[in-house]
């Protein structure tokens, strides 16, 4: 399986994936994560939100790429500008690790 191909297959393009991922992560209410998962039943990638760690549940998906949007992750540098943090977060993504998780 090739992560790039699955991103294109699941979201139409890498740019569309980034747009959807950023929107989901930015919309997390309070603290939590935006996460790209592999959903094996449908054999596709999906984007989910995980809010407030006490509300987490078990998924039938495999987390591939998370972004931490708890304020502790970005407040010192970005204050309340979560969207700016997420935009710059793309420069730090370890795509090799994402590939490894997907494999």
PDB file of N, CA and C in Angstrom:
ATOM      1  N   UNK A   1       0.841  -1.183   0.000  1.00  0.00           N
ATOM      2  CA  UNK A   1       0.000   0.000   0.000  1.00  0.00           C
ATOM      3  C   UNK A   1       0.882   1.240   0.000  1.00  0.00           C
ATOM      4  N   UNK A   2       0.476   2.205  -0.749  1.00  0.00           N
ATOM      5  CA  UNK A   2       1.230   3.448  -0.873  1.00  0.00           C
ATOM      6  C   UNK A   2       0.374   4.587  -0.309  1.00  0.00           C
ATOM      7  N   UNK A   3       0.879   5.279   0.708  1.00  0.00           N
ATOM      8  CA  UNK A   3       0.113   6.316   1.373  1.00  0.00           C
ATOM      9  C   UNK A   3      -0.297   7.428   0.419  1.00  0.00           C
ATOM     10  N   UNK A   4       0.605   7.853  -0.461  1.00  0.00           N
ATOM     11  CA  UNK A   4       0.257   8.908  -1.424  1.00  0.00           C
ATOM     12  C   UNK A   4      -0.943   8.509  -2.281  1.00  0.00           C
ATOM     13  N   UNK A   5      -0.932   7.282  -2.780  1.00  0.00           N
ATOM     14  CA  UNK A   5      -2.049   6.814  -3.603  1.00  0.00           C
ATOM     15  C   UNK A   5      -3.354   6.780  -2.816  1.00  0.00           C
ATOM     16  N   UNK A   6      -3.267   6.343  -1.559  1.00  0.00           N
ATOM     17  CA  UNK A   6      -4.473   6.277  -0.732  1.00  0.00           C
ATOM     18  C   UNK A   6      -5.002   7.671  -0.383  1.00  0.00           C
ATOM     19  N   UNK A   7      -4.108   8.630  -0.196  1.00  0.00           N
ATOM     20  CA  UNK A   7      -4.550  10.009   0.046  1.00  0.00           C
ATOM     21  C   UNK A   7      -5.314  10.516  -1.170  1.00  0.00           C
ATOM     22  N   UNK A   8      -4.770  10.304  -2.349  1.00  0.00           N
ATOM     23  CA  UNK A   8      -5.451  10.741  -3.579  1.00  0.00           C
ATOM     24  C   UNK A   8      -6.760   9.988  -3.785  1.00  0.00           C
ATOM     25  N   UNK A   9      -6.758   8.680  -3.534  1.00  0.00           N
ATOM     26  CA  UNK A   9      -7.961   7.863  -3.694  1.00  0.00           C
ATOM     27  C   UNK A   9      -9.051   8.286  -2.697  1.00  0.00           C
ATOM     28  N   UNK A  10      -8.656   8.599  -1.472  1.00  0.00           N
ATOM     29  CA  UNK A  10      -9.620   8.885  -0.416  1.00  0.00           C
ATOM     30  C   UNK A  10     -10.116  10.329  -0.403  1.00  0.00           C
ATOM     31  N   UNK A  11      -9.264  11.270  -0.830  1.00  0.00           N
ATOM     32  CA  UNK A  11      -9.607  12.692  -0.707  1.00  0.00           C
ATOM     33  C   UNK A  11      -9.591  13.442  -2.033  1.00  0.00           C
ATOM     34  N   UNK A  12      -9.231  12.777  -3.114  1.00  0.00           N
ATOM     35  CA  UNK A  12      -9.223  13.424  -4.421  1.00  0.00           C
ATOM     36  C   UNK A  12      -7.884  14.009  -4.798  1.00  0.00           C
ATOM     37  N   UNK A  13      -7.169  14.578  -3.826  1.00  0.00           N
ATOM     38  CA  UNK A  13      -5.841  15.144  -4.056  1.00  0.00           C
ATOM     39  C   UNK A  13      -5.194  15.417  -2.706  1.00  0.00           C
ATOM     40  N   UNK A  14      -3.889  15.617  -2.726  1.00  0.00           N
ATOM     41  CA  UNK A  14      -3.184  15.950  -1.494  1.00  0.00           C
ATOM     42  C   UNK A  14      -3.632  17.307  -0.972  1.00  0.00           C
ATOM     43  N   UNK A  15      -3.817  18.264  -1.857  1.00  0.00           N
ATOM     44  CA  UNK A  15      -4.262  19.600  -1.437  1.00  0.00           C
ATOM     45  C   UNK A  15      -5.649  19.542  -0.799  1.00  0.00           C
ATOM     46  N   UNK A  16      -6.544  18.747  -1.344  1.00  0.00           N
ATOM     47  CA  UNK A  16      -7.869  18.604  -0.745  1.00  0.00           C
ATOM     48  C   UNK A  16      -7.776  17.931   0.620  1.00  0.00           C
ATOM     49  N   UNK A  17      -6.912  16.926   0.741  1.00  0.00           N
ATOM     50  CA  UNK A  17      -6.680  16.284   2.032  1.00  0.00           C
ATOM     51  C   UNK A  17      -6.213  17.314   3.056  1.00  0.00           C
ATOM     52  N   UNK A  18      -5.216  18.135   2.697  1.00  0.00           N
ATOM     53  CA  UNK A  18      -4.710  19.150   3.624  1.00  0.00           C
ATOM     54  C   UNK A  18      -5.820  20.109   4.051  1.00  0.00           C
ATOM     55  N   UNK A  19      -6.634  20.515   3.110  1.00  0.00           N
ATOM     56  CA  UNK A  19      -7.732  21.444   3.399  1.00  0.00           C
ATOM     57  C   UNK A  19      -8.718  20.817   4.380  1.00  0.00           C
ATOM     58  N   UNK A  20      -9.121  19.579   4.127  1.00  0.00           N
ATOM     59  CA  UNK A  20     -10.073  18.883   4.995  1.00  0.00           C
ATOM     60  C   UNK A  20      -9.476  18.595   6.375  1.00  0.00           C
ATOM     61  N   UNK A  21      -8.212  18.193   6.389  1.00  0.00           N
ATOM     62  CA  UNK A  21      -7.540  17.877   7.647  1.00  0.00           C
ATOM     63  C   UNK A  21      -7.426  19.125   8.516  1.00  0.00           C
ATOM     64  N   UNK A  22      -7.009  20.236   7.899  1.00  0.00           N
ATOM     65  CA  UNK A  22      -6.878  21.486   8.648  1.00  0.00           C
ATOM     66  C   UNK A  22      -8.231  21.936   9.187  1.00  0.00           C
ATOM     67  N   UNK A  23      -9.263  21.844   8.382  1.00  0.00           N
ATOM     68  CA  UNK A  23     -10.600  22.253   8.828  1.00  0.00           C
ATOM     69  C   UNK A  23     -11.065  21.406  10.007  1.00  0.00           C
ATOM     70  N   UNK A  24     -10.835  20.103   9.944  1.00  0.00           N
ATOM     71  CA  UNK A  24     -11.253  19.220  11.031  1.00  0.00           C
ATOM     72  C   UNK A  24     -10.457  19.507  12.301  1.00  0.00           C
ATOM     73  N   UNK A  25      -9.146  19.650  12.172  1.00  0.00           N
ATOM     74  CA  UNK A  25      -8.304  19.914  13.341  1.00  0.00           C
ATOM     75  C   UNK A  25      -8.631  21.272  13.953  1.00  0.00           C
ATOM     76  N   UNK A  26      -8.851  22.255  13.126  1.00  0.00           N
ATOM     77  CA  UNK A  26      -9.144  23.598  13.620  1.00  0.00           C
ATOM     78  C   UNK A  26     -10.501  23.651  14.321  1.00  0.00           C
ATOM     79  N   UNK A  27     -11.412  22.771  13.937  1.00  0.00           N
ATOM     80  CA  UNK A  27     -12.762  22.777  14.497  1.00  0.00           C
ATOM     81  C   UNK A  27     -12.906  21.929  15.763  1.00  0.00           C
ATOM     82  N   UNK A  28     -11.825  21.286  16.205  1.00  0.00           N
ATOM     83  CA  UNK A  28     -11.901  20.512  17.448  1.00  0.00           C
ATOM     84  C   UNK A  28     -12.327  21.462  18.554  1.00  0.00           C
ATOM     85  N   UNK A  29     -13.370  21.086  19.253  1.00  0.00           N
ATOM     86  CA  UNK A  29     -13.879  21.937  20.333  1.00  0.00           C
ATOM     87  C   UNK A  29     -13.055  21.693  21.582  1.00  0.00           C
ATOM     88  N   UNK A  30     -12.401  22.727  22.050  1.00  0.00           N
ATOM     89  CA  UNK A  30     -11.555  22.590  23.227  1.00  0.00           C
ATOM     90  C   UNK A  30     -10.250  21.913  22.861  1.00  0.00           C
ATOM     91  N   UNK A  31      -9.872  20.930  23.635  1.00  0.00           N
ATOM     92  CA  UNK A  31      -8.597  20.250  23.451  1.00  0.00           C
ATOM     93  C   UNK A  31      -8.798  18.911  22.758  1.00  0.00           C
ATOM     94  N   UNK A  32      -7.813  18.515  21.991  1.00  0.00           N
ATOM     95  CA  UNK A  32      -7.908  17.226  21.327  1.00  0.00           C
ATOM     96  C   UNK A  32      -6.950  17.100  20.171  1.00  0.00           C
ATOM     97  N   UNK A  33      -7.350  16.309  19.182  1.00  0.00           N
ATOM     98  CA  UNK A  33      -6.500  16.000  18.037  1.00  0.00           C
ATOM     99  C   UNK A  33      -7.334  15.943  16.766  1.00  0.00           C
ATOM    100  N   UNK A  34      -6.689  16.246  15.660  1.00  0.00           N
ATOM    101  CA  UNK A  34      -7.187  15.900  14.342  1.00  0.00           C
ATOM    102  C   UNK A  34      -6.353  14.712  13.897  1.00  0.00           C
ATOM    103  N   UNK A  35      -6.986  13.679  13.374  1.00  0.00           N
ATOM    104  CA  UNK A  35      -6.250  12.450  13.071  1.00  0.00           C
ATOM    105  C   UNK A  35      -6.707  11.857  11.736  1.00  0.00           C
ATOM    106  N   UNK A  36      -5.732  11.559  10.874  1.00  0.00           N
ATOM    107  CA  UNK A  36      -6.027  10.778   9.678  1.00  0.00           C
ATOM    108  C   UNK A  36      -5.897   9.309  10.070  1.00  0.00           C
ATOM    109  N   UNK A  37      -6.928   8.546   9.778  1.00  0.00           N
ATOM    110  CA  UNK A  37      -6.975   7.119  10.103  1.00  0.00           C
ATOM    111  C   UNK A  37      -7.100   6.302   8.817  1.00  0.00           C
ATOM    112  N   UNK A  38      -6.661   5.060   8.907  1.00  0.00           N
ATOM    113  CA  UNK A  38      -6.971   4.079   7.873  1.00  0.00           C
ATOM    114  C   UNK A  38      -8.168   3.283   8.362  1.00  0.00           C
ATOM    115  N   UNK A  39      -9.188   3.196   7.533  1.00  0.00           N
ATOM    116  CA  UNK A  39     -10.412   2.452   7.864  1.00  0.00           C
ATOM    117  C   UNK A  39     -10.400   1.172   7.034  1.00  0.00           C
ATOM    118  N   UNK A  40     -10.013   0.030   7.651  1.00  0.00           N
ATOM    119  CA  UNK A  40      -9.789  -1.187   6.874  1.00  0.00           C
ATOM    120  C   UNK A  40     -11.033  -1.788   6.237  1.00  0.00           C
ATOM    121  N   UNK A  41     -12.196  -1.622   6.824  1.00  0.00           N
ATOM    122  CA  UNK A  41     -13.406  -2.219   6.248  1.00  0.00           C
ATOM    123  C   UNK A  41     -13.684  -1.621   4.874  1.00  0.00           C
ATOM    124  N   UNK A  42     -13.574  -0.295   4.771  1.00  0.00           N
ATOM    125  CA  UNK A  42     -13.807   0.384   3.487  1.00  0.00           C
ATOM    126  C   UNK A  42     -12.526   0.552   2.680  1.00  0.00           C
ATOM    127  N   UNK A  43     -11.381   0.173   3.247  1.00  0.00           N
ATOM    128  CA  UNK A  43     -10.081   0.295   2.590  1.00  0.00           C
ATOM    129  C   UNK A  43      -9.857   1.733   2.094  1.00  0.00           C
ATOM    130  N   UNK A  44      -9.970   2.671   3.050  1.00  0.00           N
ATOM    131  CA  UNK A  44      -9.782   4.082   2.703  1.00  0.00           C
ATOM    132  C   UNK A  44      -9.262   4.841   3.908  1.00  0.00           C
ATOM    133  N   UNK A  45      -8.790   6.047   3.659  1.00  0.00           N
ATOM    134  CA  UNK A  45      -8.365   6.948   4.720  1.00  0.00           C
ATOM    135  C   UNK A  45      -9.519   7.860   5.089  1.00  0.00           C
ATOM    136  N   UNK A  46      -9.612   8.203   6.366  1.00  0.00           N
ATOM    137  CA  UNK A  46     -10.633   9.125   6.832  1.00  0.00           C
ATOM    138  C   UNK A  46      -9.992  10.106   7.818  1.00  0.00           C
ATOM    139  N   UNK A  47     -10.654  11.212   8.046  1.00  0.00           N
ATOM    140  CA  UNK A  47     -10.199  12.199   9.018  1.00  0.00           C
ATOM    141  C   UNK A  47     -11.210  12.229  10.150  1.00  0.00           C
ATOM    142  N   UNK A  48     -10.696  12.151  11.377  1.00  0.00           N
ATOM    143  CA  UNK A  48     -11.556  12.168  12.548  1.00  0.00           C
ATOM    144  C   UNK A  48     -11.025  13.183  13.548  1.00  0.00           C
ATOM    145  N   UNK A  49     -11.888  13.549  14.476  1.00  0.00           N
ATOM    146  CA  UNK A  49     -11.500  14.414  15.579  1.00  0.00           C
ATOM    147  C   UNK A  49     -11.593  13.606  16.866  1.00  0.00           C
ATOM    148  N   UNK A  50     -10.671  13.853  17.765  1.00  0.00           N
ATOM    149  CA  UNK A  50     -10.735  13.282  19.113  1.00  0.00           C
ATOM    150  C   UNK A  50     -10.708  14.467  20.065  1.00  0.00           C
ATOM    151  N   UNK A  51     -11.754  14.601  20.833  1.00  0.00           N
ATOM    152  CA  UNK A  51     -11.862  15.746  21.737  1.00  0.00           C
ATOM    153  C   UNK A  51     -11.819  15.283  23.186  1.00  0.00           C
ATOM    154  N   UNK A  52     -11.236  16.115  24.011  1.00  0.00           N
ATOM    155  CA  UNK A  52     -11.208  15.899  25.465  1.00  0.00           C
ATOM    156  C   UNK A  52     -10.917  14.438  25.791  1.00  0.00           C
ATOM    157  N   UNK A  53      -9.705  14.172  26.195  1.00  0.00           N
ATOM    158  CA  UNK A  53      -9.245  12.788  26.332  1.00  0.00           C
ATOM    159  C   UNK A  53     -10.188  11.891  27.117  1.00  0.00           C
ATOM    160  N   UNK A  54     -10.967  12.445  28.021  1.00  0.00           N
ATOM    161  CA  UNK A  54     -11.915  11.627  28.770  1.00  0.00           C
ATOM    162  C   UNK A  54     -13.040  11.088  27.914  1.00  0.00           C
ATOM    163  N   UNK A  55     -13.241  11.664  26.737  1.00  0.00           N
ATOM    164  CA  UNK A  55     -14.322  11.236  25.855  1.00  0.00           C
ATOM    165  C   UNK A  55     -13.849  10.294  24.748  1.00  0.00           C
ATOM    166  N   UNK A  56     -12.589   9.898  24.785  1.00  0.00           N
ATOM    167  CA  UNK A  56     -12.083   9.013  23.735  1.00  0.00           C
ATOM    168  C   UNK A  56     -12.776   7.660  23.804  1.00  0.00           C
ATOM    169  N   UNK A  57     -12.858   7.053  22.676  1.00  0.00           N
ATOM    170  CA  UNK A  57     -13.475   5.740  22.590  1.00  0.00           C
ATOM    171  C   UNK A  57     -12.596   4.853  21.718  1.00  0.00           C
ATOM    172  N   UNK A  58     -12.904   3.591  21.649  1.00  0.00           N
ATOM    173  CA  UNK A  58     -12.150   2.707  20.769  1.00  0.00           C
ATOM    174  C   UNK A  58     -12.717   2.811  19.364  1.00  0.00           C
ATOM    175  N   UNK A  59     -11.824   2.867  18.404  1.00  0.00           N
ATOM    176  CA  UNK A  59     -12.220   2.948  17.004  1.00  0.00           C
ATOM    177  C   UNK A  59     -11.885   1.639  16.306  1.00  0.00           C
ATOM    178  N   UNK A  60     -12.521   1.425  15.179  1.00  0.00           N
ATOM    179  CA  UNK A  60     -12.150   0.262  14.360  1.00  0.00           C
ATOM    180  C   UNK A  60     -11.204   0.714  13.252  1.00  0.00           C
ATOM    181  N   UNK A  61     -10.514   1.805  13.505  1.00  0.00           N
ATOM    182  CA  UNK A  61      -9.597   2.380  12.531  1.00  0.00           C
ATOM    183  C   UNK A  61      -8.188   2.385  13.104  1.00  0.00           C
ATOM    184  N   UNK A  62      -7.226   2.656  12.225  1.00  0.00           N
ATOM    185  CA  UNK A  62      -5.822   2.706  12.630  1.00  0.00           C
ATOM    186  C   UNK A  62      -5.330   4.144  12.469  1.00  0.00           C
ATOM    187  N   UNK A  63      -4.947   4.806  13.576  1.00  0.00           N
ATOM    188  CA  UNK A  63      -4.442   6.177  13.460  1.00  0.00           C
ATOM    189  C   UNK A  63      -3.130   6.204  12.681  1.00  0.00           C
ATOM    190  N   UNK A  64      -3.042   7.096  11.700  1.00  0.00           N
ATOM    191  CA  UNK A  64      -1.856   7.207  10.859  1.00  0.00           C
ATOM    192  C   UNK A  64      -1.121   8.523  11.111  1.00  0.00           C
ATOM    193  N   UNK A  65      -1.873   9.627  11.123  1.00  0.00           N
ATOM    194  CA  UNK A  65      -1.247  10.950  11.219  1.00  0.00           C
ATOM    195  C   UNK A  65      -2.062  11.851  12.143  1.00  0.00           C
ATOM    196  N   UNK A  66      -1.578  12.096  13.373  1.00  0.00           N
ATOM    197  CA  UNK A  66      -2.295  12.980  14.291  1.00  0.00           C
ATOM    198  C   UNK A  66      -1.656  14.363  14.374  1.00  0.00           C
ATOM    199  N   UNK A  67      -2.479  15.354  14.646  1.00  0.00           N
ATOM    200  CA  UNK A  67      -1.968  16.673  15.029  1.00  0.00           C
ATOM    201  C   UNK A  67      -2.582  17.006  16.389  1.00  0.00           C
ATOM    202  N   UNK A  68      -1.739  17.383  17.307  1.00  0.00           N
ATOM    203  CA  UNK A  68      -2.159  17.746  18.659  1.00  0.00           C
ATOM    204  C   UNK A  68      -2.652  19.183  18.642  1.00  0.00           C
ATOM    205  N   UNK A  69      -3.924  19.414  18.943  1.00  0.00           N
ATOM    206  CA  UNK A  69      -4.439  20.782  18.986  1.00  0.00           C
ATOM    207  C   UNK A  69      -4.850  21.184  20.408  1.00  0.00           C
ATOM    208  N   UNK A  70      -4.278  20.504  21.391  1.00  0.00           N
ATOM    209  CA  UNK A  70      -4.413  20.979  22.767  1.00  0.00           C
ATOM    210  C   UNK A  70      -3.604  22.269  22.852  1.00  0.00           C
ATOM    211  N   UNK A  71      -4.065  23.223  23.618  1.00  0.00           N
ATOM    212  CA  UNK A  71      -3.371  24.511  23.691  1.00  0.00           C
ATOM    213  C   UNK A  71      -1.909  24.374  24.093  1.00  0.00           C
ATOM    214  N   UNK A  72      -1.556  23.381  24.912  1.00  0.00           N
ATOM    215  CA  UNK A  72      -0.160  23.242  25.332  1.00  0.00           C
ATOM    216  C   UNK A  72       0.767  23.000  24.138  1.00  0.00           C
ATOM    217  N   UNK A  73       0.229  22.513  23.036  1.00  0.00           N
ATOM    218  CA  UNK A  73       1.042  22.207  21.862  1.00  0.00           C
ATOM    219  C   UNK A  73       1.470  23.470  21.120  1.00  0.00           C
ATOM    220  N   UNK A  74       0.703  24.532  21.233  1.00  0.00           N
ATOM    221  CA  UNK A  74       0.992  25.702  20.391  1.00  0.00           C
ATOM    222  C   UNK A  74       0.908  27.058  21.083  1.00  0.00           C
ATOM    223  N   UNK A  75       0.433  27.131  22.312  1.00  0.00           N
ATOM    224  CA  UNK A  75       0.107  28.435  22.898  1.00  0.00           C
ATOM    225  C   UNK A  75       1.319  29.351  23.068  1.00  0.00           C
ATOM    226  N   UNK A  76       2.466  28.819  23.475  1.00  0.00           N
ATOM    227  CA  UNK A  76       3.626  29.683  23.698  1.00  0.00           C
ATOM    228  C   UNK A  76       4.061  30.422  22.438  1.00  0.00           C
ATOM    229  N   UNK A  77       3.967  29.768  21.297  1.00  0.00           N
ATOM    230  CA  UNK A  77       4.396  30.407  20.047  1.00  0.00           C
ATOM    231  C   UNK A  77       3.240  31.068  19.304  1.00  0.00           C
ATOM    232  N   UNK A  78       2.058  30.470  19.346  1.00  0.00           N
ATOM    233  CA  UNK A  78       0.943  30.933  18.517  1.00  0.00           C
ATOM    234  C   UNK A  78      -0.208  31.558  19.302  1.00  0.00           C
ATOM    235  N   UNK A  79      -0.141  31.561  20.629  1.00  0.00           N
ATOM    236  CA  UNK A  79      -1.231  32.029  21.486  1.00  0.00           C
ATOM    237  C   UNK A  79      -2.545  31.358  21.065  1.00  0.00           C
ATOM    238  N   UNK A  80      -3.540  32.127  20.673  1.00  0.00           N
ATOM    239  CA  UNK A  80      -4.831  31.527  20.320  1.00  0.00           C
ATOM    240  C   UNK A  80      -5.011  31.338  18.814  1.00  0.00           C
ATOM    241  N   UNK A  81      -3.920  31.343  18.062  1.00  0.00           N
ATOM    242  CA  UNK A  81      -3.995  31.221  16.597  1.00  0.00           C
ATOM    243  C   UNK A  81      -3.769  29.755  16.176  1.00  0.00           C
ATOM    244  N   UNK A  82      -4.718  28.923  16.504  1.00  0.00           N
ATOM    245  CA  UNK A  82      -4.612  27.496  16.191  1.00  0.00           C
ATOM    246  C   UNK A  82      -4.440  27.259  14.696  1.00  0.00           C
ATOM    247  N   UNK A  83      -5.164  27.987  13.864  1.00  0.00           N
ATOM    248  CA  UNK A  83      -5.083  27.776  12.408  1.00  0.00           C
ATOM    249  C   UNK A  83      -3.667  28.038  11.897  1.00  0.00           C
ATOM    250  N   UNK A  84      -2.988  29.051  12.431  1.00  0.00           N
ATOM    251  CA  UNK A  84      -1.595  29.324  12.027  1.00  0.00           C
ATOM    252  C   UNK A  84      -0.688  28.164  12.440  1.00  0.00           C
ATOM    253  N   UNK A  85      -0.910  27.656  13.647  1.00  0.00           N
ATOM    254  CA  UNK A  85      -0.146  26.504  14.125  1.00  0.00           C
ATOM    255  C   UNK A  85      -0.327  25.311  13.186  1.00  0.00           C
ATOM    256  N   UNK A  86      -1.563  25.015  12.814  1.00  0.00           N
ATOM    257  CA  UNK A  86      -1.823  23.863  11.942  1.00  0.00           C
ATOM    258  C   UNK A  86      -1.180  24.069  10.573  1.00  0.00           C
ATOM    259  N   UNK A  87      -1.261  25.284  10.038  1.00  0.00           N
ATOM    260  CA  UNK A  87      -0.626  25.574   8.748  1.00  0.00           C
ATOM    261  C   UNK A  87       0.871  25.290   8.811  1.00  0.00           C
ATOM    262  N   UNK A  88       1.529  25.724   9.872  1.00  0.00           N
ATOM    263  CA  UNK A  88       2.977  25.516   9.996  1.00  0.00           C
ATOM    264  C   UNK A  88       3.331  24.097  10.423  1.00  0.00           C
ATOM    265  N   UNK A  89       2.399  23.399  11.045  1.00  0.00           N
ATOM    266  CA  UNK A  89       2.622  22.016  11.456  1.00  0.00           C
ATOM    267  C   UNK A  89       2.980  21.129  10.260  1.00  0.00           C
ATOM    268  N   UNK A  90       2.432  21.426   9.085  1.00  0.00           N
ATOM    269  CA  UNK A  90       2.727  20.619   7.892  1.00  0.00           C
ATOM    270  C   UNK A  90       4.215  20.572   7.592  1.00  0.00           C
ATOM    271  N   UNK A  91       4.968  21.593   8.007  1.00  0.00           N
ATOM    272  CA  UNK A  91       6.414  21.608   7.783  1.00  0.00           C
ATOM    273  C   UNK A  91       7.152  20.628   8.688  1.00  0.00           C
ATOM    274  N   UNK A  92       6.483  20.110   9.702  1.00  0.00           N
ATOM    275  CA  UNK A  92       7.105  19.210  10.673  1.00  0.00           C
ATOM    276  C   UNK A  92       6.677  17.756  10.531  1.00  0.00           C
ATOM    277  N   UNK A  93       5.721  17.488   9.662  1.00  0.00           N
ATOM    278  CA  UNK A  93       5.187  16.132   9.541  1.00  0.00           C
ATOM    279  C   UNK A  93       6.298  15.162   9.139  1.00  0.00           C
ATOM    280  N   UNK A  94       6.370  14.062   9.858  1.00  0.00           N
ATOM    281  CA  UNK A  94       7.313  12.997   9.549  1.00  0.00           C
ATOM    282  C   UNK A  94       6.592  12.002   8.648  1.00  0.00           C
ATOM    283  N   UNK A  95       6.693  12.224   7.334  1.00  0.00           N
ATOM    284  CA  UNK A  95       5.960  11.393   6.386  1.00  0.00           C
ATOM    285  C   UNK A  95       6.465   9.961   6.369  1.00  0.00           C
ATOM    286  N   UNK A  96       7.752   9.763   6.683  1.00  0.00           N
ATOM    287  CA  UNK A  96       8.262   8.389   6.735  1.00  0.00           C
ATOM    288  C   UNK A  96       7.591   7.606   7.856  1.00  0.00           C
ATOM    289  N   UNK A  97       7.383   8.255   9.001  1.00  0.00           N
ATOM    290  CA  UNK A  97       6.675   7.588  10.101  1.00  0.00           C
ATOM    291  C   UNK A  97       5.220   7.328   9.739  1.00  0.00           C
ATOM    292  N   UNK A  98       4.586   8.258   9.057  1.00  0.00           N
ATOM    293  CA  UNK A  98       3.213   8.038   8.606  1.00  0.00           C
ATOM    294  C   UNK A  98       3.150   6.850   7.647  1.00  0.00           C
ATOM    295  N   UNK A  99       4.100   6.775   6.724  1.00  0.00           N
ATOM    296  CA  UNK A  99       4.179   5.626   5.803  1.00  0.00           C
ATOM    297  C   UNK A  99       4.344   4.326   6.574  1.00  0.00           C
ATOM    298  N   UNK A 100       5.225   4.340   7.586  1.00  0.00           N
ATOM    299  CA  UNK A 100       5.462   3.139   8.399  1.00  0.00           C
ATOM    300  C   UNK A 100       4.182   2.706   9.106  1.00  0.00           C
ATOM    301  N   UNK A 101       3.453   3.642   9.671  1.00  0.00           N
ATOM    302  CA  UNK A 101       2.205   3.315  10.357  1.00  0.00           C
ATOM    303  C   UNK A 101       1.181   2.771   9.369  1.00  0.00           C
ATOM    304  N   UNK A 102       1.151   3.360   8.188  1.00  0.00           N
ATOM    305  CA  UNK A 102       0.196   2.907   7.174  1.00  0.00           C
ATOM    306  C   UNK A 102       0.527   1.504   6.692  1.00  0.00           C
ATOM    307  N   UNK A 103       1.819   1.230   6.539  1.00  0.00           N
ATOM    308  CA  UNK A 103       2.254  -0.096   6.077  1.00  0.00           C
ATOM    309  C   UNK A 103       1.902  -1.161   7.105  1.00  0.00           C
TER     310      UNK A 103
END
